[in-house]
C-alpha atoms as a PDB file:
ATOM      1  CA  MET A   1      54.613 117.549 117.835  1.00  0.00           C
ATOM      2  CA  THR A   2      56.235 114.608 119.593  1.00  0.00           C
ATOM      3  CA  ILE A   3      56.254 112.455 116.444  1.00  0.00           C
ATOM      4  CA  GLU A   4      58.034 115.158 114.440  1.00  0.00           C
ATOM      5  CA  VAL A   5      60.568 115.706 117.231  1.00  0.00           C
ATOM      6  CA  ILE A   6      61.483 112.023 117.450  1.00  0.00           C
ATOM      7  CA  ASP A   7      61.576 111.554 113.676  1.00  0.00           C
ATOM      8  CA  HIS A   8      63.918 114.504 113.180  1.00  0.00           C
ATOM      9  CA  LEU A   9      66.315 113.390 115.909  1.00  0.00           C
ATOM     10  CA  ASN A  10      67.084 110.446 113.599  1.00  0.00           C
ATOM     11  CA  LEU A  11      67.815 108.265 116.611  1.00  0.00           C
ATOM     12  CA  GLN A  12      70.597 105.687 116.405  1.00  0.00           C
ATOM     13  CA  PRO A  13      70.140 102.758 118.833  1.00  0.00           C
ATOM     14  CA  ASP A  14      73.658 103.000 120.274  1.00  0.00           C
ATOM     15  CA  GLY A  15      73.843 106.803 120.202  1.00  0.00           C
ATOM     16  CA  ALA A  16      74.167 109.382 122.971  1.00  0.00           C
ATOM     17  CA  TYR A  17      71.461 112.040 123.169  1.00  0.00           C
ATOM     18  CA  LEU A  18      70.903 115.189 125.193  1.00  0.00           C
ATOM     19  CA  ASP A  19      67.448 116.353 126.237  1.00  0.00           C
ATOM     20  CA  GLY A  20      68.233 119.802 127.600  1.00  0.00           C
ATOM     21  CA  THR A  21      64.704 120.383 128.892  1.00  0.00           C
ATOM     22  CA  ILE A  22      63.704 116.909 130.018  1.00  0.00           C
ATOM     23  CA  GLY A  23      60.977 118.035 132.435  1.00  0.00           C
ATOM     24  CA  ALA A  24      58.828 115.118 133.568  1.00  0.00           C
ATOM     25  CA  GLY A  25      60.190 112.972 130.735  1.00  0.00           C
ATOM     26  CA  GLY A  26      57.582 113.131 127.979  1.00  0.00           C
ATOM     27  CA  HIS A  27      59.992 113.208 125.034  1.00  0.00           C
ATOM     28  CA  ALA A  28      62.524 111.111 126.945  1.00  0.00           C
ATOM     29  CA  THR A  29      60.115 108.165 127.023  1.00  0.00           C
ATOM     30  CA  LYS A  30      59.957 108.136 123.221  1.00  0.00           C
ATOM     31  CA  ILE A  31      63.727 108.540 122.876  1.00  0.00           C
ATOM     32  CA  LEU A  32      64.528 105.686 125.257  1.00  0.00           C
ATOM     33  CA  ALA A  33      62.114 103.414 123.399  1.00  0.00           C
ATOM     34  CA  GLN A  34      64.419 103.586 120.375  1.00  0.00           C
ATOM     35  CA  LEU A  35      67.760 103.234 122.173  1.00  0.00           C
ATOM     36  CA  SER A  36      69.605  99.988 122.826  1.00  0.00           C
ATOM     37  CA  LEU A  37      71.196  99.236 126.175  1.00  0.00           C
ATOM     38  CA  LYS A  38      74.373 100.762 124.739  1.00  0.00           C
ATOM     39  CA  GLY A  39      72.612 104.043 124.043  1.00  0.00           C
ATOM     40  CA  LYS A  40      72.660 106.970 126.468  1.00  0.00           C
ATOM     41  CA  LEU A  41      70.239 109.754 127.309  1.00  0.00           C
ATOM     42  CA  ILE A  42      71.360 112.769 129.306  1.00  0.00           C
ATOM     43  CA  GLY A  43      68.496 114.838 130.681  1.00  0.00           C
ATOM     44  CA  LEU A  44      68.773 118.324 132.161  1.00  0.00           C
ATOM     45  CA  ASP A  45      66.212 120.617 133.744  1.00  0.00           C
ATOM     46  CA  ARG A  46      66.207 123.576 136.117  1.00  0.00           C
ATOM     47  CA  ASP A  47      62.856 122.613 137.635  1.00  0.00           C
ATOM     48  CA  ALA A  48      63.505 120.355 140.629  1.00  0.00           C
ATOM     49  CA  GLU A  49      59.845 119.300 140.887  1.00  0.00           C
ATOM     50  CA  ALA A  50      59.703 118.137 137.272  1.00  0.00           C
ATOM     51  CA  LEU A  51      63.082 116.442 137.548  1.00  0.00           C
ATOM     52  CA  GLU A  52      61.965 114.468 140.598  1.00  0.00           C
ATOM     53  CA  ILE A  53      58.982 113.145 138.631  1.00  0.00           C
ATOM     54  CA  CYS A  54      61.337 112.246 135.792  1.00  0.00           C
ATOM     55  CA  LYS A  55      63.717 110.376 138.102  1.00  0.00           C
ATOM     56  CA  ASN A  56      60.859 108.378 139.599  1.00  0.00           C
ATOM     57  CA  ARG A  57      59.527 107.642 136.130  1.00  0.00           C
ATOM     58  CA  PHE A  58      62.791 106.174 134.875  1.00  0.00           C
ATOM     59  CA  GLY A  59      64.222 104.893 138.140  1.00  0.00           C
ATOM     60  CA  ALA A  60      63.784 101.259 137.120  1.00  0.00           C
ATOM     61  CA  SER A  61      64.733 101.759 133.473  1.00  0.00           C
ATOM     62  CA  ALA A  62      67.311  99.358 132.082  1.00  0.00           C
ATOM     63  CA  HIS A  63      68.520 102.055 129.695  1.00  0.00           C
ATOM     64  CA  PRO A  64      71.376 104.320 130.728  1.00  0.00           C
ATOM     65  CA  ILE A  65      69.717 107.650 131.570  1.00  0.00           C
ATOM     66  CA  PHE A  66      71.517 110.400 133.452  1.00  0.00           C
ATOM     67  CA  THR A  67      69.494 113.288 134.897  1.00  0.00           C
ATOM     68  CA  TYR A  68      70.890 116.508 136.329  1.00  0.00           C
ATOM     69  CA  LYS A  69      69.398 119.656 137.800  1.00  0.00           C
ATOM     70  CA  SER A  70      71.027 122.150 135.476  1.00  0.00           C
ATOM     71  CA  SER A  71      70.291 124.734 132.822  1.00  0.00           C
ATOM     72  CA  TYR A  72      70.743 123.425 129.295  1.00  0.00           C
ATOM     73  CA  HIS A  73      73.404 126.034 128.527  1.00  0.00           C
ATOM     74  CA  ASN A  74      75.674 124.322 131.070  1.00  0.00           C
ATOM     75  CA  PHE A  75      75.501 121.008 129.209  1.00  0.00           C
ATOM     76  CA  PRO A  76      79.253 120.926 128.272  1.00  0.00           C
ATOM     77  CA  LYS A  77      80.126 120.635 131.979  1.00  0.00           C
ATOM     78  CA  ILE A  78      77.708 117.728 132.378  1.00  0.00           C
ATOM     79  CA  LEU A  79      79.065 115.924 129.313  1.00  0.00           C
ATOM     80  CA  ASP A  80      82.595 116.414 130.610  1.00  0.00           C
ATOM     81  CA  LYS A  81      81.570 114.929 133.967  1.00  0.00           C
ATOM     82  CA  LEU A  82      80.255 111.861 132.129  1.00  0.00           C
ATOM     83  CA  GLY A  83      83.315 111.579 129.899  1.00  0.00           C
ATOM     84  CA  ILE A  84      81.266 112.270 126.773  1.00  0.00           C
ATOM     85  CA  SER A  85      82.812 114.630 124.227  1.00  0.00           C
ATOM     86  CA  LYS A  86      80.031 114.647 121.621  1.00  0.00           C
ATOM     87  CA  VAL A  87      76.424 113.511 121.326  1.00  0.00           C
ATOM     88  CA  ASN A  88      74.424 112.282 118.335  1.00  0.00           C
ATOM     89  CA  GLY A  89      71.487 114.565 118.916  1.00  0.00           C
ATOM     90  CA  ILE A  90      70.264 117.444 121.067  1.00  0.00           C
ATOM     91  CA  LEU A  91      66.683 118.382 121.888  1.00  0.00           C
ATOM     92  CA  LEU A  92      65.373 121.589 123.435  1.00  0.00           C
ATOM     93  CA  ASP A  93      61.656 122.101 124.050  1.00  0.00           C
ATOM     94  CA  LEU A  94      61.454 125.651 125.372  1.00  0.00           C
ATOM     95  CA  GLY A  95      57.779 125.614 126.338  1.00  0.00           C
ATOM     96  CA  LEU A  96      56.139 125.532 129.741  1.00  0.00           C
ATOM     97  CA  SER A  97      54.679 122.219 130.865  1.00  0.00           C
ATOM     98  CA  SER A  98      51.047 121.704 131.849  1.00  0.00           C
ATOM     99  CA  MET A  99      52.248 121.012 135.376  1.00  0.00           C
ATOM    100  CA  GLN A 100      54.004 124.377 135.577  1.00  0.00           C
ATOM    101  CA  LEU A 101      51.069 126.287 134.105  1.00  0.00           C
ATOM    102  CA  LYS A 102      48.504 124.637 136.376  1.00  0.00           C
ATOM    103  CA  SER A 103      50.529 125.067 139.555  1.00  0.00           C
ATOM    104  CA  GLU A 104      48.934 127.516 141.984  1.00  0.00           C
ATOM    105  CA  THR A 105      52.265 128.128 143.713  1.00  0.00           C
ATOM    106  CA  ARG A 106      54.388 129.093 140.706  1.00  0.00           C
ATOM    107  CA  GLY A 107      52.504 132.026 139.145  1.00  0.00           C
ATOM    108  CA  PHE A 108      53.372 131.195 135.530  1.00  0.00           C
ATOM    109  CA  SER A 109      49.826 131.559 134.192  1.00  0.00           C
ATOM    110  CA  PHE A 110      47.515 134.559 134.339  1.00  0.00           C
ATOM    111  CA  ASN A 111      44.749 132.027 135.009  1.00  0.00           C
ATOM    112  CA  SER A 112      46.325 131.044 138.321  1.00  0.00           C
ATOM    113  CA  SER A 113      45.757 132.852 141.602  1.00  0.00           C
ATOM    114  CA  GLY A 114      48.876 131.786 143.460  1.00  0.00           C
ATOM    115  CA  ALA A 115      52.079 133.506 144.477  1.00  0.00           C
ATOM    116  CA  LEU A 116      53.823 135.509 141.757  1.00  0.00           C
ATOM    117  CA  ASP A 117      57.030 133.471 141.648  1.00  0.00           C
ATOM    118  CA  MET A 118      57.766 132.378 138.043  1.00  0.00           C
ATOM    119  CA  ARG A 119      61.134 130.788 138.846  1.00  0.00           C
ATOM    120  CA  PHE A 120      62.032 127.575 137.047  1.00  0.00           C
ATOM    121  CA  ASP A 121      64.735 127.053 139.657  1.00  0.00           C
ATOM    122  CA  LYS A 122      63.516 127.939 143.135  1.00  0.00           C
ATOM    123  CA  GLU A 123      67.107 128.312 144.287  1.00  0.00           C
ATOM    124  CA  ASN A 124      67.200 131.399 142.093  1.00  0.00           C
ATOM    125  CA  SER A 125      66.749 134.183 144.631  1.00  0.00           C
ATOM    126  CA  PHE A 126      64.979 136.565 142.247  1.00  0.00           C
ATOM    127  CA  SER A 127      61.219 135.922 141.991  1.00  0.00           C
ATOM    128  CA  ALA A 128      58.767 137.823 139.799  1.00  0.00           C
ATOM    129  CA  VAL A 129      57.553 139.805 142.808  1.00  0.00           C
ATOM    130  CA  GLU A 130      61.106 140.886 143.571  1.00  0.00           C
ATOM    131  CA  LEU A 131      61.817 141.727 139.935  1.00  0.00           C
ATOM    132  CA  ILE A 132      58.759 143.972 139.779  1.00  0.00           C
ATOM    133  CA  SER A 133      59.389 145.649 143.133  1.00  0.00           C
ATOM    134  CA  GLN A 134      63.072 146.304 142.428  1.00  0.00           C
ATOM    135  CA  SER A 135      62.606 147.552 138.852  1.00  0.00           C
ATOM    136  CA  SER A 136      61.805 151.165 138.080  1.00  0.00           C
ATOM    137  CA  GLU A 137      58.780 151.935 135.932  1.00  0.00           C
ATOM    138  CA  GLU A 138      61.081 152.570 132.966  1.00  0.00           C
ATOM    139  CA  GLU A 139      63.009 149.321 133.517  1.00  0.00           C
ATOM    140  CA  LEU A 140      59.783 147.345 133.784  1.00  0.00           C
ATOM    141  CA  ALA A 141      58.428 148.949 130.607  1.00  0.00           C
ATOM    142  CA  ASN A 142      61.621 147.951 128.781  1.00  0.00           C
ATOM    143  CA  ILE A 143      61.278 144.351 129.994  1.00  0.00           C
ATOM    144  CA  ILE A 144      57.661 144.196 128.818  1.00  0.00           C
ATOM    145  CA  PHE A 145      58.498 145.739 125.444  1.00  0.00           C
ATOM    146  CA  GLN A 146      61.689 143.786 124.713  1.00  0.00           C
ATOM    147  CA  PHE A 147      60.671 140.363 126.022  1.00  0.00           C
ATOM    148  CA  GLY A 148      56.925 140.541 125.414  1.00  0.00           C
ATOM    149  CA  GLU A 149      56.840 142.743 122.315  1.00  0.00           C
ATOM    150  CA  GLU A 150      53.921 144.565 123.928  1.00  0.00           C
ATOM    151  CA  ARG A 151      53.181 148.014 122.454  1.00  0.00           C
ATOM    152  CA  ARG A 152      51.373 149.208 125.581  1.00  0.00           C
ATOM    153  CA  SER A 153      54.429 148.523 127.719  1.00  0.00           C
ATOM    154  CA  LYS A 154      54.692 151.990 129.284  1.00  0.00           C
ATOM    155  CA  ARG A 155      51.032 152.180 130.248  1.00  0.00           C
ATOM    156  CA  ILE A 156      51.091 148.646 131.650  1.00  0.00           C
ATOM    157  CA  ALA A 157      54.312 149.245 133.595  1.00  0.00           C
ATOM    158  CA  ARG A 158      52.788 152.382 135.128  1.00  0.00           C
ATOM    159  CA  SER A 159      49.726 150.428 136.218  1.00  0.00           C
ATOM    160  CA  ILE A 160      51.825 147.606 137.684  1.00  0.00           C
ATOM    161  CA  LYS A 161      54.110 149.952 139.611  1.00  0.00           C
ATOM    162  CA  SER A 162      51.142 151.903 140.987  1.00  0.00           C
ATOM    163  CA  ALA A 163      49.543 148.730 142.367  1.00  0.00           C
ATOM    164  CA  LYS A 164      49.886 148.181 146.108  1.00  0.00           C
ATOM    165  CA  ASN A 165      50.804 144.821 147.647  1.00  0.00           C
ATOM    166  CA  LEU A 166      51.234 143.103 144.287  1.00  0.00           C
ATOM    167  CA  LEU A 167      51.999 139.553 145.424  1.00  0.00           C
ATOM    168  CA  THR A 168      49.969 137.114 143.334  1.00  0.00           C
ATOM    169  CA  ALA A 169      49.302 136.282 139.691  1.00  0.00           C
ATOM    170  CA  THR A 170      45.793 137.657 140.229  1.00  0.00           C
ATOM    171  CA  ASP A 171      47.233 140.978 141.411  1.00  0.00           C
ATOM    172  CA  LEU A 172      49.406 141.242 138.304  1.00  0.00           C
ATOM    173  CA  LYS A 173      46.497 140.276 136.056  1.00  0.00           C
ATOM    174  CA  GLU A 174      44.350 143.025 137.592  1.00  0.00           C
ATOM    175  CA  ALA A 175      47.081 145.648 137.083  1.00  0.00           C
ATOM    176  CA  ILE A 176      47.408 144.654 133.415  1.00  0.00           C
ATOM    177  CA  ARG A 177      43.621 144.617 133.011  1.00  0.00           C
ATOM    178  CA  ARG A 178      43.406 148.258 134.144  1.00  0.00           C
ATOM    179  CA  ALA A 179      45.843 149.321 131.410  1.00  0.00           C
ATOM    180  CA  THR A 180      44.493 147.401 128.410  1.00  0.00           C
ATOM    181  CA  PRO A 181      41.326 147.530 126.286  1.00  0.00           C
ATOM    182  CA  PRO A 182      39.038 144.477 126.617  1.00  0.00           C
ATOM    183  CA  GLN A 183      39.480 143.328 123.015  1.00  0.00           C
ATOM    184  CA  LYS A 184      43.280 143.188 123.384  1.00  0.00           C
ATOM    185  CA  ARG A 185      43.455 142.050 126.988  1.00  0.00           C
ATOM    186  CA  ASN A 186      44.201 138.333 126.694  1.00  0.00           C
ATOM    187  CA  LYS A 187      47.076 138.901 124.272  1.00  0.00           C
ATOM    188  CA  SER A 188      48.520 141.603 126.514  1.00  0.00           C
ATOM    189  CA  LEU A 189      48.202 139.351 129.556  1.00  0.00           C
ATOM    190  CA  ALA A 190      50.079 136.568 127.770  1.00  0.00           C
ATOM    191  CA  ARG A 191      52.806 138.935 126.565  1.00  0.00           C
ATOM    192  CA  VAL A 192      53.401 140.556 129.956  1.00  0.00           C
ATOM    193  CA  PHE A 193      53.485 137.259 131.857  1.00  0.00           C
ATOM    194  CA  GLN A 194      55.877 135.929 129.201  1.00  0.00           C
ATOM    195  CA  ALA A 195      58.128 138.981 129.465  1.00  0.00           C
ATOM    196  CA  ILE A 196      58.410 138.850 133.237  1.00  0.00           C
ATOM    197  CA  ARG A 197      59.030 135.083 133.208  1.00  0.00           C
ATOM    198  CA  ILE A 198      61.798 135.515 130.616  1.00  0.00           C
ATOM    199  CA  ALA A 199      63.433 138.230 132.711  1.00  0.00           C
ATOM    200  CA  VAL A 200      63.182 136.277 135.979  1.00  0.00           C
ATOM    201  CA  ASN A 201      64.814 133.200 134.452  1.00  0.00           C
ATOM    202  CA  ASN A 202      67.320 134.895 132.107  1.00  0.00           C
ATOM    203  CA  GLU A 203      65.879 132.723 129.349  1.00  0.00           C
ATOM    204  CA  LEU A 204      67.233 134.565 126.322  1.00  0.00           C
ATOM    205  CA  GLU A 205      70.730 134.869 127.763  1.00  0.00           C
ATOM    206  CA  ARG A 206      70.793 131.126 128.429  1.00  0.00           C
ATOM    207  CA  LEU A 207      69.525 130.338 124.930  1.00  0.00           C
ATOM    208  CA  ASN A 208      72.096 132.657 123.364  1.00  0.00           C
ATOM    209  CA  LYS A 209      74.921 130.918 125.247  1.00  0.00           C
ATOM    210  CA  PHE A 210      73.626 127.499 124.216  1.00  0.00           C
ATOM    211  CA  LEU A 211      73.393 128.477 120.545  1.00  0.00           C
ATOM    212  CA  GLY A 212      77.050 129.457 120.621  1.00  0.00           C
ATOM    213  CA  LEU A 213      78.106 126.138 122.164  1.00  0.00           C
ATOM    214  CA  PHE A 214      76.088 123.252 120.779  1.00  0.00           C
ATOM    215  CA  ILE A 215      77.842 122.743 117.434  1.00  0.00           C
ATOM    216  CA  GLU A 216      81.149 121.827 119.114  1.00  0.00           C
ATOM    217  CA  HIS A 217      79.504 119.030 121.080  1.00  0.00           C
ATOM    218  CA  LEU A 218      77.453 117.510 118.263  1.00  0.00           C
ATOM    219  CA  SER A 219      78.834 114.617 116.228  1.00  0.00           C
ATOM    220  CA  VAL A 220      79.041 114.938 112.444  1.00  0.00           C
ATOM    221  CA  GLY A 221      75.624 113.863 111.161  1.00  0.00           C
ATOM    222  CA  GLY A 222      74.076 114.633 114.547  1.00  0.00           C
ATOM    223  CA  ARG A 223      70.818 116.548 114.764  1.00  0.00           C
ATOM    224  CA  ILE A 224      69.862 119.661 116.707  1.00  0.00           C
ATOM    225  CA  VAL A 225      66.104 119.919 117.287  1.00  0.00           C
ATOM    226  CA  ILE A 226      64.684 123.039 118.942  1.00  0.00           C
ATOM    227  CA  MET A 227      61.045 123.838 119.650  1.00  0.00           C
ATOM    228  CA  THR A 228      60.222 127.476 120.461  1.00  0.00           C
ATOM    229  CA  TYR A 229      56.988 129.124 121.516  1.00  0.00           C
ATOM    230  CA  HIS A 230      57.456 132.818 120.854  1.00  0.00           C
ATOM    231  CA  SER A 231      58.937 134.913 118.084  1.00  0.00           C
ATOM    232  CA  ILE A 232      62.002 136.162 119.975  1.00  0.00           C
ATOM    233  CA  GLU A 233      63.325 132.652 120.642  1.00  0.00           C
ATOM    234  CA  ASP A 234      62.447 131.530 117.132  1.00  0.00           C
ATOM    235  CA  ARG A 235      64.399 134.419 115.584  1.00  0.00           C
ATOM    236  CA  MET A 236      67.417 133.611 117.743  1.00  0.00           C
ATOM    237  CA  VAL A 237      67.403 129.967 116.636  1.00  0.00           C
ATOM    238  CA  LYS A 238      66.800 130.914 113.001  1.00  0.00           C
ATOM    239  CA  HIS A 239      69.730 133.352 112.939  1.00  0.00           C
ATOM    240  CA  ALA A 240      72.080 130.943 114.749  1.00  0.00           C
ATOM    241  CA  PHE A 241      71.268 128.146 112.296  1.00  0.00           C
ATOM    242  CA  ARG A 242      71.700 130.499 109.344  1.00  0.00           C
ATOM    243  CA  SER A 243      75.105 131.644 110.601  1.00  0.00           C
ATOM    244  CA  LEU A 244      76.281 128.046 111.018  1.00  0.00           C
ATOM    245  CA  LYS A 245      74.972 127.211 107.553  1.00  0.00           C
ATOM    246  CA  GLN A 246      76.963 130.088 106.056  1.00  0.00           C
ATOM    247  CA  SER A 247      80.114 128.765 107.727  1.00  0.00           C
ATOM    248  CA  GLY A 248      79.447 125.324 106.218  1.00  0.00           C
ATOM    249  CA  ARG A 249      78.994 123.606 109.572  1.00  0.00           C
ATOM    250  CA  LEU A 250      75.242 122.999 109.621  1.00  0.00           C
ATOM    251  CA  ALA A 251      72.611 121.899 107.134  1.00  0.00           C
ATOM    252  CA  ILE A 252      69.190 123.363 107.864  1.00  0.00           C
ATOM    253  CA  LEU A 253      66.618 120.585 107.436  1.00  0.00           C
ATOM    254  CA  THR A 254      63.583 122.832 107.950  1.00  0.00           C
ATOM    255  CA  LYS A 255      63.498 125.651 105.381  1.00  0.00           C
ATOM    256  CA  LYS A 256      60.431 126.857 107.223  1.00  0.00           C
ATOM    257  CA  PRO A 257      59.710 125.861 110.811  1.00  0.00           C
ATOM    258  CA  ILE A 258      57.379 122.929 111.353  1.00  0.00           C
ATOM    259  CA  VAL A 259      54.158 124.040 113.036  1.00  0.00           C
ATOM    260  CA  PRO A 260      51.370 121.993 114.638  1.00  0.00           C
ATOM    261  CA  THR A 261      48.447 120.739 112.590  1.00  0.00           C
ATOM    262  CA  GLU A 262      44.912 121.962 113.195  1.00  0.00           C
ATOM    263  CA  ASN A 263      44.079 118.637 114.847  1.00  0.00           C
ATOM    264  CA  GLU A 264      47.023 118.941 117.215  1.00  0.00           C
ATOM    265  CA  ILE A 265      45.999 122.471 118.177  1.00  0.00           C
ATOM    266  CA  LYS A 266      42.485 121.182 118.898  1.00  0.00           C
ATOM    267  CA  ARG A 267      43.961 118.499 121.169  1.00  0.00           C
ATOM    268  CA  ASN A 268      46.415 120.886 122.831  1.00  0.00           C
ATOM    269  CA  ASN A 269      45.710 124.582 122.397  1.00  0.00           C
ATOM    270  CA  ARG A 270      49.040 125.512 124.021  1.00  0.00           C
ATOM    271  CA  SER A 271      50.845 124.076 120.995  1.00  0.00           C
ATOM    272  CA  ARG A 272      49.411 126.702 118.634  1.00  0.00           C
ATOM    273  CA  SER A 273      52.503 128.935 118.828  1.00  0.00           C
ATOM    274  CA  ALA A 274      55.080 126.119 118.631  1.00  0.00           C
ATOM    275  CA  LYS A 275      57.746 126.194 115.920  1.00  0.00           C
ATOM    276  CA  LEU A 276      60.201 123.371 115.324  1.00  0.00           C
ATOM    277  CA  ARG A 277      63.578 123.942 113.639  1.00  0.00           C
ATOM    278  CA  VAL A 278      66.079 121.197 112.835  1.00  0.00           C
ATOM    279  CA  GLY A 279      69.717 121.195 111.753  1.00  0.00           C
ATOM    280  CA  GLU A 280      72.315 118.525 110.974  1.00  0.00           C
ATOM    281  CA  LYS A 281      76.007 118.983 111.645  1.00  0.00           C
ATOM    282  CA  LEU A 282      78.181 118.764 108.531  1.00  0.00           C
ATOM    283  CA  ILE A 283      81.719 119.414 109.809  1.00  0.00           C
END
């Protein structure tokens, strides 16, 4: 939904914009194309590998682009470092990239066979393997239920904890397979991998902090554009926007979230769960 993202940012040529999940720079390319040399783009990401690709991609760009290895919820510190008090638009795309999913060393996908890591930031000392090994069966079941909304959480947690030498994505997939019926297996696999990834990276805590901060750093008339990929994140964004609307600070420009078209899903099946919400700061 790149076109919808760029359209709803309502880019001003001389404006300052924050891409809190810049990754390899897919959206950033489209943003920079509409900025003048007076415009600014600040890009943040926790993934050092993706950020290195982004830096190489824009290294020769004439446009002012500033990239930092940082979580998006820390953006006020970055803006302060740059002497920027407010920006004209903020973008968060909370999905995994193709590069992350296809990596055999990251363990994000149940279709991979590599090490069960799942860290966006490899300087984070807590990998998925460590999370699983250090969690009790009850704690793991709670993670799977709360972050994956998986009804078979207790049975799956029991199977995972009973597995020996669980070190790879394949090992985790096999433990989940033993605890789920064939007709429900793929959905359960996706939910459990999602839940463990969320826990490893403290994703919901970071999003919650961001949602409490962004309005103070957005110019009047500035846009906040957030793309989510699962219902927990979407509910958090929806409720935050609604609260700001009730206080008179934000206009919600998407009464219902924008979702991908059938053609887009055919081109990119991973986009099928995407939901885009947009707000505009009033005061």
